[in-house]
PDB file of all heavy atoms in Angstrom:
ATOM      1  N   GLY A   1      13.319  11.227   2.859  1.00  0.00           N
ATOM      2  CA  GLY A   1      12.355  12.016   2.015  1.00  0.00           C
ATOM      3  C   GLY A   1      12.708  13.476   1.951  1.00  0.00           C
ATOM      4  O   GLY A   1      13.332  14.057   2.852  1.00  0.00           O
ATOM      5  N   VAL A   2      12.242  14.084   0.860  1.00  0.00           N
ATOM      6  CA  VAL A   2      12.314  15.451   0.717  1.00  0.00           C
ATOM      7  C   VAL A   2      10.950  16.070   0.516  1.00  0.00           C
ATOM      8  O   VAL A   2      10.327  15.851  -0.617  1.00  0.00           O
ATOM      9  CB  VAL A   2      13.161  15.893  -0.551  1.00  0.00           C
ATOM     10  CG1 VAL A   2      13.232  17.343  -0.691  1.00  0.00           C
ATOM     11  CG2 VAL A   2      14.625  15.302  -0.288  1.00  0.00           C
ATOM     12  N   ALA A   3      10.385  16.595   1.447  1.00  0.00           N
ATOM     13  CA  ALA A   3       8.994  17.115   1.577  1.00  0.00           C
ATOM     14  C   ALA A   3       8.881  18.508   1.084  1.00  0.00           C
ATOM     15  O   ALA A   3       9.590  19.288   1.351  1.00  0.00           O
ATOM     16  CB  ALA A   3       8.410  16.845   2.854  1.00  0.00           C
ATOM     17  N   ILE A   4       7.831  18.795   0.193  1.00  0.00           N
ATOM     18  CA  ILE A   4       7.474  20.115  -0.082  1.00  0.00           C
ATOM     19  C   ILE A   4       6.315  20.546   0.791  1.00  0.00           C
ATOM     20  O   ILE A   4       5.343  20.026   0.813  1.00  0.00           O
ATOM     21  CB  ILE A   4       6.960  20.249  -1.608  1.00  0.00           C
ATOM     22  CG1 ILE A   4       8.036  19.711  -2.553  1.00  0.00           C
ATOM     23  CG2 ILE A   4       6.532  21.696  -1.945  1.00  0.00           C
ATOM     24  CD1 ILE A   4       7.476  19.485  -3.891  1.00  0.00           C
ATOM     25  N   THR A   5       6.625  21.578   1.617  1.00  0.00           N
ATOM     26  CA  THR A   5       5.705  22.109   2.633  1.00  0.00           C
ATOM     27  C   THR A   5       5.144  23.409   2.398  1.00  0.00           C
ATOM     28  O   THR A   5       4.248  23.889   3.180  1.00  0.00           O
ATOM     29  CB  THR A   5       6.255  21.944   4.047  1.00  0.00           C
ATOM     30  OG1 THR A   5       7.460  22.780   4.023  1.00  0.00           O
ATOM     31  CG2 THR A   5       6.820  20.499   4.364  1.00  0.00           C
ATOM     32  N   GLY A   6       5.646  24.081   1.466  1.00  0.00           N
ATOM     33  CA  GLY A   6       5.165  25.468   1.107  1.00  0.00           C
ATOM     34  C   GLY A   6       5.442  25.850  -0.305  1.00  0.00           C
ATOM     35  O   GLY A   6       6.472  25.406  -0.937  1.00  0.00           O
ATOM     36  N   MET A   7       4.568  26.731  -0.837  1.00  0.00           N
ATOM     37  CA  MET A   7       4.758  27.194  -2.276  1.00  0.00           C
ATOM     38  C   MET A   7       4.324  28.719  -2.298  1.00  0.00           C
ATOM     39  O   MET A   7       3.450  29.072  -1.648  1.00  0.00           O
ATOM     40  CB  MET A   7       4.015  26.392  -3.230  1.00  0.00           C
ATOM     41  CG  MET A   7       4.299  24.854  -3.260  1.00  0.00           C
ATOM     42  SD  MET A   7       3.629  24.003  -4.608  1.00  0.00           S
ATOM     43  CE  MET A   7       1.800  24.247  -4.357  1.00  0.00           C
ATOM     44  N   GLY A   8       5.040  29.424  -3.107  1.00  0.00           N
ATOM     45  CA  GLY A   8       4.671  30.763  -3.461  1.00  0.00           C
ATOM     46  C   GLY A   8       4.931  31.092  -4.857  1.00  0.00           C
ATOM     47  O   GLY A   8       5.846  30.685  -5.465  1.00  0.00           O
ATOM     48  N   ILE A   9       4.142  31.887  -5.489  1.00  0.00           N
ATOM     49  CA  ILE A   9       4.266  32.269  -6.862  1.00  0.00           C
ATOM     50  C   ILE A   9       3.564  33.547  -7.261  1.00  0.00           C
ATOM     51  O   ILE A   9       2.629  33.918  -6.727  1.00  0.00           O
ATOM     52  CB  ILE A   9       3.664  31.048  -7.813  1.00  0.00           C
ATOM     53  CG1 ILE A   9       3.851  31.302  -9.274  1.00  0.00           C
ATOM     54  CG2 ILE A   9       2.122  31.026  -7.493  1.00  0.00           C
ATOM     55  CD1 ILE A   9       3.511  30.050 -10.055  1.00  0.00           C
ATOM     56  N   ILE A  10       4.163  34.314  -8.223  1.00  0.00           N
ATOM     57  CA  ILE A  10       3.609  35.446  -8.854  1.00  0.00           C
ATOM     58  C   ILE A  10       3.916  35.377 -10.226  1.00  0.00           C
ATOM     59  O   ILE A  10       5.179  35.196 -10.694  1.00  0.00           O
ATOM     60  CB  ILE A  10       4.028  36.777  -8.247  1.00  0.00           C
ATOM     61  CG1 ILE A  10       3.358  37.942  -8.887  1.00  0.00           C
ATOM     62  CG2 ILE A  10       5.604  36.877  -8.246  1.00  0.00           C
ATOM     63  CD1 ILE A  10       3.549  39.337  -8.085  1.00  0.00           C
ATOM     64  N   SER A  11       2.889  35.473 -11.158  1.00  0.00           N
ATOM     65  CA  SER A  11       3.128  35.398 -12.643  1.00  0.00           C
ATOM     66  C   SER A  11       2.099  36.152 -13.323  1.00  0.00           C
ATOM     67  O   SER A  11       1.317  36.924 -12.591  1.00  0.00           O
ATOM     68  CB  SER A  11       3.017  33.800 -13.049  1.00  0.00           C
ATOM     69  OG  SER A  11       1.581  33.520 -13.046  1.00  0.00           O
ATOM     70  N   SER A  12       2.140  36.169 -14.602  1.00  0.00           N
ATOM     71  CA  SER A  12       1.137  36.900 -15.400  1.00  0.00           C
ATOM     72  C   SER A  12      -0.341  36.393 -15.288  1.00  0.00           C
ATOM     73  O   SER A  12      -1.231  37.109 -15.741  1.00  0.00           O
ATOM     74  CB  SER A  12       1.543  36.933 -16.815  1.00  0.00           C
ATOM     75  OG  SER A  12       1.563  35.622 -17.455  1.00  0.00           O
ATOM     76  N   ILE A  13      -0.579  35.135 -14.645  1.00  0.00           N
ATOM     77  CA  ILE A  13      -1.911  34.705 -14.528  1.00  0.00           C
ATOM     78  C   ILE A  13      -2.251  34.617 -13.054  1.00  0.00           C
ATOM     79  O   ILE A  13      -3.329  34.099 -12.730  1.00  0.00           O
ATOM     80  CB  ILE A  13      -2.025  33.236 -15.167  1.00  0.00           C
ATOM     81  CG1 ILE A  13      -1.097  32.238 -14.473  1.00  0.00           C
ATOM     82  CG2 ILE A  13      -1.771  33.320 -16.640  1.00  0.00           C
ATOM     83  CD1 ILE A  13      -1.440  30.802 -14.930  1.00  0.00           C
ATOM     84  N   GLY A  14      -1.531  35.249 -12.199  1.00  0.00           N
ATOM     85  CA  GLY A  14      -1.992  35.340 -10.778  1.00  0.00           C
ATOM     86  C   GLY A  14      -0.876  35.799  -9.815  1.00  0.00           C
ATOM     87  O   GLY A  14       0.346  35.613 -10.103  1.00  0.00           O
ATOM     88  N   ASN A  15      -1.338  36.344  -8.741  1.00  0.00           N
ATOM     89  CA  ASN A  15      -0.429  36.984  -7.833  1.00  0.00           C
ATOM     90  C   ASN A  15      -0.093  36.046  -6.617  1.00  0.00           C
ATOM     91  O   ASN A  15       0.627  36.425  -5.711  1.00  0.00           O
ATOM     92  CB  ASN A  15      -0.989  38.320  -7.290  1.00  0.00           C
ATOM     93  CG  ASN A  15      -1.188  39.307  -8.425  1.00  0.00           C
ATOM     94  OD1 ASN A  15      -0.362  39.329  -9.314  1.00  0.00           O
ATOM     95  ND2 ASN A  15      -2.379  39.973  -8.435  1.00  0.00           N
ATOM     96  N   ASN A  16      -0.649  34.792  -6.610  1.00  0.00           N
ATOM     97  CA  ASN A  16      -0.406  33.849  -5.507  1.00  0.00           C
ATOM     98  C   ASN A  16      -0.832  32.512  -6.044  1.00  0.00           C
ATOM     99  O   ASN A  16      -1.159  32.312  -7.251  1.00  0.00           O
ATOM    100  CB  ASN A  16      -1.223  34.187  -4.274  1.00  0.00           C
ATOM    101  CG  ASN A  16      -2.661  34.495  -4.550  1.00  0.00           C
ATOM    102  OD1 ASN A  16      -3.274  33.666  -5.179  1.00  0.00           O
ATOM    103  ND2 ASN A  16      -3.243  35.561  -4.029  1.00  0.00           N
ATOM    104  N   VAL A  17      -0.533  31.501  -5.298  1.00  0.00           N
ATOM    105  CA  VAL A  17      -0.815  30.126  -5.721  1.00  0.00           C
ATOM    106  C   VAL A  17      -2.306  29.908  -6.115  1.00  0.00           C
ATOM    107  O   VAL A  17      -2.659  29.268  -7.161  1.00  0.00           O
ATOM    108  CB  VAL A  17      -0.491  29.075  -4.574  1.00  0.00           C
ATOM    109  CG1 VAL A  17      -0.952  27.706  -4.896  1.00  0.00           C
ATOM    110  CG2 VAL A  17       1.010  29.086  -4.293  1.00  0.00           C
ATOM    111  N   GLU A  18      -3.197  30.444  -5.337  1.00  0.00           N
ATOM    112  CA  GLU A  18      -4.663  30.190  -5.617  1.00  0.00           C
ATOM    113  C   GLU A  18      -5.105  30.789  -6.936  1.00  0.00           C
ATOM    114  O   GLU A  18      -5.769  30.255  -7.730  1.00  0.00           O
ATOM    115  CB  GLU A  18      -5.465  30.862  -4.543  1.00  0.00           C
ATOM    116  CG  GLU A  18      -5.335  30.078  -3.229  1.00  0.00           C
ATOM    117  CD  GLU A  18      -4.041  30.411  -2.422  1.00  0.00           C
ATOM    118  OE1 GLU A  18      -3.373  31.390  -2.743  1.00  0.00           O
ATOM    119  OE2 GLU A  18      -3.711  29.610  -1.556  1.00  0.00           O
ATOM    120  N   GLU A  19      -4.561  32.117  -7.154  1.00  0.00           N
ATOM    121  CA  GLU A  19      -4.903  32.758  -8.398  1.00  0.00           C
ATOM    122  C   GLU A  19      -4.366  32.038  -9.663  1.00  0.00           C
ATOM    123  O   GLU A  19      -4.995  31.908 -10.630  1.00  0.00           O
ATOM    124  CB  GLU A  19      -4.473  34.231  -8.368  1.00  0.00           C
ATOM    125  CG  GLU A  19      -5.309  35.082  -7.426  1.00  0.00           C
ATOM    126  CD  GLU A  19      -4.801  36.539  -7.408  1.00  0.00           C
ATOM    127  OE1 GLU A  19      -3.937  36.937  -8.312  1.00  0.00           O
ATOM    128  OE2 GLU A  19      -5.306  37.286  -6.543  1.00  0.00           O
ATOM    129  N   ASN A  20      -3.152  31.525  -9.481  1.00  0.00           N
ATOM    130  CA  ASN A  20      -2.509  30.804 -10.566  1.00  0.00           C
ATOM    131  C   ASN A  20      -3.291  29.562 -10.969  1.00  0.00           C
ATOM    132  O   ASN A  20      -3.538  29.266 -12.097  1.00  0.00           O
ATOM    133  CB  ASN A  20      -1.112  30.536 -10.268  1.00  0.00           C
ATOM    134  CG  ASN A  20      -0.106  31.528 -10.648  1.00  0.00           C
ATOM    135  OD1 ASN A  20       0.559  31.469 -11.654  1.00  0.00           O
ATOM    136  ND2 ASN A  20       0.034  32.563  -9.791  1.00  0.00           N
ATOM    137  N   TYR A  21      -3.676  28.743  -9.870  1.00  0.00           N
ATOM    138  CA  TYR A  21      -4.427  27.540 -10.050  1.00  0.00           C
ATOM    139  C   TYR A  21      -5.792  27.911 -10.767  1.00  0.00           C
ATOM    140  O   TYR A  21      -6.117  27.122 -11.719  1.00  0.00           O
ATOM    141  CB  TYR A  21      -4.643  26.831  -8.753  1.00  0.00           C
ATOM    142  CG  TYR A  21      -5.463  25.577  -8.947  1.00  0.00           C
ATOM    143  CD1 TYR A  21      -4.884  24.445  -9.749  1.00  0.00           C
ATOM    144  CD2 TYR A  21      -6.763  25.476  -8.488  1.00  0.00           C
ATOM    145  CE1 TYR A  21      -5.567  23.337  -9.901  1.00  0.00           C
ATOM    146  CE2 TYR A  21      -7.491  24.311  -8.638  1.00  0.00           C
ATOM    147  CZ  TYR A  21      -6.852  23.243  -9.372  1.00  0.00           C
ATOM    148  OH  TYR A  21      -7.571  22.133  -9.639  1.00  0.00           O
ATOM    149  N   ARG A  22      -6.381  28.869 -10.370  1.00  0.00           N
ATOM    150  CA  ARG A  22      -7.740  29.284 -10.931  1.00  0.00           C
ATOM    151  C   ARG A  22      -7.611  29.491 -12.359  1.00  0.00           C
ATOM    152  O   ARG A  22      -8.430  29.095 -13.235  1.00  0.00           O
ATOM    153  CB  ARG A  22      -8.362  30.520 -10.297  1.00  0.00           C
ATOM    154  CG  ARG A  22      -9.827  30.697 -10.429  1.00  0.00           C
ATOM    155  CD  ARG A  22     -10.388  31.794  -9.686  1.00  0.00           C
ATOM    156  NE  ARG A  22     -10.108  31.772  -8.368  1.00  0.00           N
ATOM    157  CZ  ARG A  22      -9.431  32.647  -7.627  1.00  0.00           C
ATOM    158  NH1 ARG A  22      -8.930  33.754  -8.161  1.00  0.00           N
ATOM    159  NH2 ARG A  22      -9.268  32.520  -6.381  1.00  0.00           N
ATOM    160  N   SER A  23      -6.571  30.279 -12.803  1.00  0.00           N
ATOM    161  CA  SER A  23      -6.333  30.659 -14.170  1.00  0.00           C
ATOM    162  C   SER A  23      -6.049  29.333 -14.892  1.00  0.00           C
ATOM    163  O   SER A  23      -6.552  29.151 -16.139  1.00  0.00           O
ATOM    164  CB  SER A  23      -5.198  31.550 -14.319  1.00  0.00           C
ATOM    165  OG  SER A  23      -5.536  32.802 -13.831  1.00  0.00           O
ATOM    166  N   LEU A  24      -5.300  28.446 -14.465  1.00  0.00           N
ATOM    167  CA  LEU A  24      -4.953  27.130 -15.019  1.00  0.00           C
ATOM    168  C   LEU A  24      -6.205  26.322 -15.487  1.00  0.00           C
ATOM    169  O   LEU A  24      -6.410  25.807 -16.452  1.00  0.00           O
ATOM    170  CB  LEU A  24      -3.871  26.265 -14.281  1.00  0.00           C
ATOM    171  CG  LEU A  24      -2.513  26.821 -14.179  1.00  0.00           C
ATOM    172  CD1 LEU A  24      -1.783  26.121 -13.036  1.00  0.00           C
ATOM    173  CD2 LEU A  24      -1.831  26.763 -15.504  1.00  0.00           C
ATOM    174  N   ILE A  25      -7.062  26.242 -14.510  1.00  0.00           N
ATOM    175  CA  ILE A  25      -8.209  25.335 -14.609  1.00  0.00           C
ATOM    176  C   ILE A  25      -9.281  26.125 -15.506  1.00  0.00           C
ATOM    177  O   ILE A  25     -10.126  25.481 -16.196  1.00  0.00           O
ATOM    178  CB  ILE A  25      -8.882  24.772 -13.384  1.00  0.00           C
ATOM    179  CG1 ILE A  25      -9.337  25.956 -12.462  1.00  0.00           C
ATOM    180  CG2 ILE A  25      -7.813  23.878 -12.632  1.00  0.00           C
ATOM    181  CD1 ILE A  25     -10.077  25.445 -11.244  1.00  0.00           C
ATOM    182  N   GLU A  26      -9.234  27.321 -15.537  1.00  0.00           N
ATOM    183  CA  GLU A  26     -10.138  28.142 -16.302  1.00  0.00           C
ATOM    184  C   GLU A  26      -9.700  28.410 -17.774  1.00  0.00           C
ATOM    185  O   GLU A  26     -10.401  28.977 -18.660  1.00  0.00           O
ATOM    186  CB  GLU A  26     -10.496  29.486 -15.694  1.00  0.00           C
ATOM    187  CG  GLU A  26     -11.343  29.338 -14.376  1.00  0.00           C
ATOM    188  CD  GLU A  26     -11.626  30.599 -13.653  1.00  0.00           C
ATOM    189  OE1 GLU A  26     -11.117  31.573 -14.171  1.00  0.00           O
ATOM    190  OE2 GLU A  26     -12.293  30.536 -12.650  1.00  0.00           O
ATOM    191  N   GLY A  27      -8.431  28.009 -18.045  1.00  0.00           N
ATOM    192  CA  GLY A  27      -7.754  28.254 -19.352  1.00  0.00           C
ATOM    193  C   GLY A  27      -7.610  29.692 -19.670  1.00  0.00           C
ATOM    194  O   GLY A  27      -7.654  30.179 -20.826  1.00  0.00           O
ATOM    195  N   LYS A  28      -7.254  30.519 -18.606  1.00  0.00           N
ATOM    196  CA  LYS A  28      -7.085  31.899 -18.739  1.00  0.00           C
ATOM    197  C   LYS A  28      -5.572  32.197 -18.967  1.00  0.00           C
ATOM    198  O   LYS A  28      -4.664  32.014 -18.120  1.00  0.00           O
ATOM    199  CB  LYS A  28      -7.438  32.593 -17.542  1.00  0.00           C
ATOM    200  CG  LYS A  28      -7.217  34.093 -17.496  1.00  0.00           C
ATOM    201  CD  LYS A  28      -7.749  34.699 -16.113  1.00  0.00           C
ATOM    202  CE  LYS A  28      -7.486  36.211 -16.053  1.00  0.00           C
ATOM    203  NZ  LYS A  28      -7.787  36.725 -14.703  1.00  0.00           N
ATOM    204  N   THR A  29      -5.217  32.713 -20.149  1.00  0.00           N
ATOM    205  CA  THR A  29      -3.772  33.070 -20.479  1.00  0.00           C
ATOM    206  C   THR A  29      -3.457  34.439 -19.959  1.00  0.00           C
ATOM    207  O   THR A  29      -4.344  35.279 -19.812  1.00  0.00           O
ATOM    208  CB  THR A  29      -3.551  33.078 -21.997  1.00  0.00           C
ATOM    209  OG1 THR A  29      -2.188  33.326 -22.217  1.00  0.00           O
ATOM    210  CG2 THR A  29      -4.407  34.130 -22.762  1.00  0.00           C
ATOM    211  N   GLY A  30      -2.130  34.585 -19.690  1.00  0.00           N
ATOM    212  CA  GLY A  30      -1.736  36.012 -19.247  1.00  0.00           C
ATOM    213  C   GLY A  30      -0.867  36.626 -20.378  1.00  0.00           C
ATOM    214  O   GLY A  30      -0.153  37.620 -20.146  1.00  0.00           O
ATOM    215  N   ILE A  31      -0.868  36.201 -21.640  1.00  0.00           N
ATOM    216  CA  ILE A  31      -0.233  36.699 -22.713  1.00  0.00           C
ATOM    217  C   ILE A  31      -0.914  37.887 -23.404  1.00  0.00           C
ATOM    218  O   ILE A  31      -2.084  37.764 -23.722  1.00  0.00           O
ATOM    219  CB  ILE A  31       0.089  35.561 -23.747  1.00  0.00           C
ATOM    220  CG1 ILE A  31       0.705  34.322 -23.216  1.00  0.00           C
ATOM    221  CG2 ILE A  31       0.965  36.192 -24.915  1.00  0.00           C
ATOM    222  CD1 ILE A  31       1.997  34.575 -22.479  1.00  0.00           C
ATOM    223  N   THR A  32      -0.132  39.027 -23.406  1.00  0.00           N
ATOM    224  CA  THR A  32      -0.730  40.220 -23.996  1.00  0.00           C
ATOM    225  C   THR A  32       0.353  41.025 -24.848  1.00  0.00           C
ATOM    226  O   THR A  32       1.495  40.573 -24.784  1.00  0.00           O
ATOM    227  CB  THR A  32      -1.140  41.223 -22.832  1.00  0.00           C
ATOM    228  OG1 THR A  32      -0.127  41.496 -22.009  1.00  0.00           O
ATOM    229  CG2 THR A  32      -2.336  40.583 -22.045  1.00  0.00           C
TER     230      THR A  32
END
């Protein structure tokens, strides 16, 4: 198996995983 045990992200809709997910489910775009 190849397990995913950690994730990190920074994008226009969030500075971490939690912020990105919140924007995704709230339909919040980062396009300006």
